[in-house]
Amino acid sequence: MKIWIFLTAILLAASVAFGAGSDAVVGLWKTPEDESKLEFFKCGDKICVRIAWLKEPNYTDKKEGPVGLPKVDRNNPDPALKNRPMLGLQIMEGFTAAGDGRWENGIIYNPDNGKTYRGKFRLVSPHRLDLRGFIGISLFGGNCILTR
């Protein structure tokens, strides 16, 4: 009987530690090299993401934009959206829980090149999230590791 109580306690602790629910990914995540922080938040029953912090929120090179002014979504293919501020810009949407710490069927917008990709991510641990953006099928894409 003691072994069953012990195993149940371990399973409960593991589910809390690895957060099977969408709340486990909600919050701030750092991109590689601490260039930015992304805020994962609930949007209905799905997960969305916006840029919450930038290491360099203003232009520093006149080739990129007016020096000292806040960065904008200048690479967006839609001319009406090119002046949106980067801070607060929603770049991911529509991720649905797929079980086992995985979220799928989302859309990722990359403001660096103005392109949109399909995406999925997996909560590896409470402090690591593996993100994958791809075109068509997951085989054709790239990875990014986010940390807390």
Protein backbone atom coordinates (compact mmCIF):
# COMPACT_ATOMS: atom_id res chain seq x y z
CA MET A 1 0.00 0.00 0.00
CA LYS A 2 2.84 2.39 0.80
CA ILE A 3 4.26 1.94 -2.70
CA TRP A 4 0.95 3.06 -4.29
CA ILE A 5 0.82 6.16 -2.13
CA PHE A 6 4.45 6.90 -3.01
CA LEU A 7 3.84 6.43 -6.77
CA THR A 8 0.70 8.59 -6.65
CA ALA A 9 2.63 11.35 -4.86
CA ILE A 10 5.39 11.22 -7.49
CA LEU A 11 2.88 11.40 -10.35
CA LEU A 12 1.11 14.37 -8.78
CA ALA A 13 4.42 16.16 -8.20
CA ALA A 14 5.51 15.50 -11.79
CA SER A 15 2.26 16.86 -13.23
CA VAL A 16 2.68 20.05 -11.17
CA ALA A 17 6.38 20.38 -12.04
CA PHE A 18 5.92 19.91 -15.75
CA GLY A 19 2.56 21.65 -15.95
CA ALA A 20 0.28 19.58 -18.10
CA GLY A 21 -2.11 22.55 -18.45
CA SER A 22 -1.73 25.70 -20.49
CA ASP A 23 -0.99 27.72 -17.33
CA ALA A 24 2.46 26.10 -17.22
CA VAL A 25 3.60 28.05 -20.29
CA VAL A 26 1.89 31.32 -19.42
CA GLY A 27 4.38 34.04 -18.52
CA LEU A 28 7.68 35.44 -19.74
CA TRP A 29 10.24 33.42 -21.71
CA LYS A 30 13.70 34.57 -22.83
CA THR A 31 14.88 34.08 -26.39
CA PRO A 32 18.41 32.80 -27.08
CA GLU A 33 21.14 35.29 -26.15
CA ASP A 34 18.56 37.32 -24.15
CA GLU A 35 17.69 39.50 -27.16
CA SER A 36 14.02 39.64 -26.18
CA LYS A 37 11.37 38.30 -23.82
CA LEU A 38 8.16 36.79 -25.08
CA GLU A 39 4.95 36.78 -23.08
CA PHE A 40 2.88 33.62 -23.46
CA PHE A 41 -0.76 34.27 -22.56
CA LYS A 42 -4.16 32.66 -22.87
CA CYS A 43 -6.38 33.85 -25.69
CA GLY A 44 -9.59 31.92 -25.13
CA ASP A 45 -8.69 28.24 -24.89
CA LYS A 46 -5.53 28.72 -26.95
CA ILE A 47 -2.07 30.18 -26.31
CA CYS A 48 -0.81 33.37 -27.96
CA VAL A 49 2.51 35.20 -27.67
CA ARG A 50 3.61 38.84 -27.85
CA ILE A 51 6.95 40.63 -27.59
CA ALA A 52 7.16 41.95 -24.03
CA TRP A 53 10.75 43.23 -23.88
CA LEU A 54 13.59 44.01 -26.31
CA LYS A 55 17.24 44.37 -25.39
CA GLU A 56 17.38 47.22 -27.91
CA PRO A 57 13.85 48.64 -28.26
CA ASN A 58 15.02 51.63 -30.32
CA TYR A 59 16.87 51.82 -33.61
CA THR A 60 20.64 52.23 -33.21
CA ASP A 61 21.61 52.07 -36.91
CA LYS A 62 20.18 54.54 -39.42
CA LYS A 63 20.13 51.77 -42.07
CA GLU A 64 17.41 50.02 -40.06
CA GLY A 65 15.35 53.03 -39.03
CA PRO A 66 15.47 56.49 -37.44
CA VAL A 67 18.08 56.29 -34.67
CA GLY A 68 16.55 56.66 -31.21
CA LEU A 69 12.98 55.92 -32.29
CA PRO A 70 11.16 52.72 -31.23
CA LYS A 71 11.46 49.75 -33.57
CA VAL A 72 8.45 48.97 -35.75
CA ASP A 73 7.26 46.01 -37.83
CA ARG A 74 8.96 47.41 -40.95
CA ASN A 75 9.35 44.05 -42.74
CA ASN A 76 5.62 43.29 -42.73
CA PRO A 77 4.40 42.58 -46.28
CA ASP A 78 1.20 44.55 -45.57
CA PRO A 79 2.00 48.27 -45.93
CA ALA A 80 -0.78 49.14 -43.46
CA LEU A 81 1.00 47.14 -40.72
CA LYS A 82 4.58 48.36 -41.21
CA ASN A 83 4.32 51.03 -38.49
CA ARG A 84 3.15 48.73 -35.67
CA PRO A 85 5.48 48.96 -32.65
CA MET A 86 7.58 45.86 -32.00
CA LEU A 87 6.97 46.07 -28.25
CA GLY A 88 3.62 44.44 -27.62
CA LEU A 89 3.45 42.94 -31.10
CA GLN A 90 1.59 39.61 -31.12
CA ILE A 91 3.79 37.18 -33.04
CA MET A 92 2.20 33.80 -32.25
CA GLU A 93 -1.40 32.65 -32.03
CA GLY A 94 -3.75 29.71 -32.10
CA PHE A 95 -1.71 27.09 -30.23
CA THR A 96 -3.87 24.29 -28.85
CA ALA A 97 -2.89 21.81 -26.14
CA ALA A 98 -2.04 18.38 -27.56
CA GLY A 99 -1.16 16.64 -24.27
CA ASP A 100 2.19 15.70 -22.75
CA GLY A 101 3.28 19.35 -22.54
CA ARG A 102 2.85 19.90 -26.30
CA TRP A 103 0.98 22.66 -28.13
CA GLU A 104 0.32 22.49 -31.87
CA ASN A 105 -1.48 24.02 -34.84
CA GLY A 106 -0.28 27.56 -34.17
CA ILE A 107 0.92 30.36 -36.39
CA ILE A 108 4.26 32.15 -35.90
CA TYR A 109 4.98 35.55 -37.44
CA ASN A 110 8.67 36.45 -37.74
CA PRO A 111 9.02 40.25 -37.74
CA ASP A 112 12.70 39.93 -38.78
CA ASN A 113 11.67 38.81 -42.28
CA GLY A 114 7.91 39.48 -42.38
CA LYS A 115 7.07 35.81 -42.99
CA THR A 116 4.51 33.61 -41.29
CA TYR A 117 5.05 29.96 -40.41
CA ARG A 118 3.16 27.08 -38.87
CA GLY A 119 4.35 26.22 -35.39
CA LYS A 120 4.36 23.97 -32.38
CA PHE A 121 6.13 23.92 -29.04
CA ARG A 122 6.83 21.59 -26.16
CA LEU A 123 7.40 22.30 -22.49
CA VAL A 124 10.51 20.25 -21.75
CA SER A 125 10.78 21.41 -18.14
CA PRO A 126 9.38 24.28 -16.07
CA HIS A 127 12.30 26.38 -17.34
CA ARG A 128 12.69 25.22 -20.95
CA LEU A 129 10.36 25.41 -23.93
CA ASP A 130 11.30 24.03 -27.37
CA LEU A 131 9.68 26.00 -30.20
CA ARG A 132 9.55 24.87 -33.85
CA GLY A 133 8.47 26.94 -36.82
CA PHE A 134 8.02 25.32 -40.21
CA ILE A 135 6.63 25.55 -43.72
CA GLY A 136 4.16 22.84 -44.68
CA ILE A 137 5.42 19.92 -42.62
CA SER A 138 7.55 19.99 -39.48
CA LEU A 139 10.52 18.52 -41.36
CA PHE A 140 11.10 21.85 -43.12
CA GLY A 141 11.72 24.33 -40.34
CA GLY A 142 13.84 25.60 -37.51
CA ASN A 143 14.03 25.31 -33.73
CA CYS A 144 14.38 27.83 -30.94
CA ILE A 145 14.90 27.12 -27.25
CA LEU A 146 13.22 29.54 -24.83
CA THR A 147 14.11 29.69 -21.14
CA ARG A 148 12.69 31.30 -18.01
